[in-house]
Amino acid sequence: MDNQTKENAGDILKIDEALELLNRELKGKSDEINRLISEKYSNLKEIISGATHTGKEMIEKTRQTLEEAVAKGEEKTKEIGTEIDRKVRSNPWLAVGIAAVSGFLLCYIIEAGKRPK
């Protein structure tokens, strides 16, 4: 064998040794890399799960708040209706006059919008 062939063979042996060393190191590190990746993903999974749970809680609280607001609104409307009914019964002619004036004003406003300018 000539010197060039011996150098190439020596280089190939060095490359093989380096690759073998890298493979051994990677096998040892692959478990650690897999563990780190699984930890990161489990943290992400926990965060998403927590956000989903928090979102559901917020939706439930909002629904309850809206139900309470609707119930209070219904109650207030009934109170106002009862008060108006009481006032109309105590003075029916005033209620008729207010209704007539309101109707006249409403018709006047509608007609004014239809007139050419």
Protein backbone atom coordinates (compact mmCIF):
# COMPACT_ATOMS: atom_id res chain seq x y z
CA MET A 1 0.00 0.00 0.00
CA ASP A 2 1.15 3.45 -0.73
CA ASN A 3 1.16 6.36 1.71
CA GLN A 4 -1.99 7.94 0.27
CA THR A 5 -3.99 4.76 0.79
CA LYS A 6 -2.67 4.39 4.34
CA GLU A 7 -3.64 8.00 5.11
CA ASN A 8 -7.13 7.44 3.65
CA ALA A 9 -7.51 4.24 5.69
CA GLY A 10 -6.39 6.08 8.82
CA ASP A 11 -8.82 8.92 8.10
CA ILE A 12 -11.63 6.43 7.60
CA LEU A 13 -10.80 4.75 10.93
CA LYS A 14 -10.79 8.13 12.67
CA ILE A 15 -14.13 9.01 11.07
CA ASP A 16 -15.57 5.64 12.13
CA GLU A 17 -14.31 6.15 15.68
CA ALA A 18 -15.79 9.65 15.76
CA LEU A 19 -19.15 8.41 14.46
CA GLU A 20 -19.16 5.58 16.99
CA LEU A 21 -18.39 8.03 19.78
CA LEU A 22 -21.20 10.34 18.60
CA ASN A 23 -23.65 7.43 18.46
CA ARG A 24 -22.77 6.39 22.03
CA GLU A 25 -23.18 9.96 23.28
CA LEU A 26 -26.46 10.42 21.42
CA LYS A 27 -27.88 7.18 22.84
CA GLY A 28 -27.17 8.46 26.33
CA LYS A 29 -28.59 11.89 25.53
CA SER A 30 -31.66 10.65 23.63
CA ASP A 31 -33.30 9.54 26.88
CA GLU A 32 -32.59 12.93 28.39
CA ILE A 33 -33.87 14.74 25.28
CA ASN A 34 -37.06 12.63 25.28
CA ARG A 35 -37.57 13.36 28.98
CA LEU A 36 -37.11 17.11 28.46
CA ILE A 37 -39.49 17.16 25.51
CA SER A 38 -42.13 15.17 27.40
CA GLU A 39 -41.81 17.55 30.38
CA LYS A 40 -42.24 20.57 28.13
CA TYR A 41 -45.27 19.04 26.45
CA SER A 42 -46.81 17.95 29.75
CA ASN A 43 -46.42 21.53 31.05
CA LEU A 44 -48.06 22.80 27.89
CA LYS A 45 -50.84 20.25 28.29
CA GLU A 46 -51.41 21.37 31.89
CA ILE A 47 -51.49 25.03 30.84
CA ILE A 48 -54.01 24.36 28.07
CA SER A 49 -56.09 22.18 30.37
CA GLY A 50 -56.06 24.92 33.02
CA ALA A 51 -57.00 27.56 30.46
CA THR A 52 -59.87 25.41 29.23
CA HIS A 53 -61.06 24.87 32.80
CA THR A 54 -60.75 28.60 33.54
CA GLY A 55 -62.66 29.41 30.35
CA LYS A 56 -65.48 27.07 31.35
CA GLU A 57 -65.63 28.69 34.80
CA MET A 58 -65.79 32.16 33.25
CA ILE A 59 -68.58 31.09 30.90
CA GLU A 60 -70.52 29.62 33.82
CA LYS A 61 -70.04 32.78 35.92
CA THR A 62 -71.12 34.95 32.99
CA ARG A 63 -74.20 32.79 32.43
CA GLN A 64 -75.13 33.07 36.12
CA THR A 65 -74.61 36.83 36.08
CA LEU A 66 -76.81 37.18 33.00
CA GLU A 67 -79.52 35.03 34.56
CA GLU A 68 -79.45 37.19 37.70
CA ALA A 69 -79.59 40.38 35.60
CA VAL A 70 -82.55 39.05 33.60
CA ALA A 71 -84.35 38.06 36.80
CA LYS A 72 -83.74 41.53 38.31
CA GLY A 73 -84.87 43.16 35.06
CA GLU A 74 -88.08 41.12 35.03
CA GLU A 75 -88.72 42.01 38.67
CA LYS A 76 -88.10 45.73 38.04
CA THR A 77 -90.37 45.65 34.95
CA LYS A 78 -93.15 44.08 37.00
CA GLU A 79 -92.70 46.73 39.69
CA ILE A 80 -92.88 49.54 37.12
CA GLY A 81 -95.92 47.95 35.46
CA THR A 82 -97.63 47.64 38.83
CA GLU A 83 -96.87 51.29 39.65
CA ILE A 84 -98.17 52.51 36.28
CA ASP A 85 -101.31 50.40 36.68
CA ARG A 86 -101.89 51.85 40.14
CA LYS A 87 -101.49 55.43 38.87
CA VAL A 88 -103.75 54.82 35.86
CA ARG A 89 -106.46 53.35 38.08
CA SER A 90 -106.24 56.29 40.46
CA ASN A 91 -106.46 58.87 37.62
CA PRO A 92 -107.67 57.28 34.36
CA TRP A 93 -108.36 60.58 32.52
CA LEU A 94 -104.76 61.71 32.95
CA ALA A 95 -103.60 58.42 31.39
CA VAL A 96 -106.02 58.90 28.45
CA GLY A 97 -104.74 62.46 27.93
CA ILE A 98 -101.09 61.38 28.01
CA ALA A 99 -101.82 58.57 25.53
CA ALA A 100 -103.64 60.98 23.18
CA VAL A 101 -100.85 63.58 23.27
CA SER A 102 -98.21 60.88 22.77
CA GLY A 103 -100.11 59.49 19.77
CA PHE A 104 -100.49 62.98 18.26
CA LEU A 105 -96.77 63.73 18.68
CA LEU A 106 -95.77 60.38 17.21
CA CYS A 107 -97.95 60.93 14.12
CA TYR A 108 -96.62 64.47 13.73
CA ILE A 109 -93.00 63.26 13.83
CA ILE A 110 -93.69 60.49 11.30
CA GLU A 111 -95.47 62.87 8.91
CA ALA A 112 -92.72 65.48 9.26
CA GLY A 113 -90.19 62.89 8.12
CA LYS A 114 -92.24 62.11 5.01
CA ARG A 115 -92.59 65.75 3.84
CA PRO A 116 -90.20 66.97 1.14
CA LYS A 117 -87.79 69.60 2.34
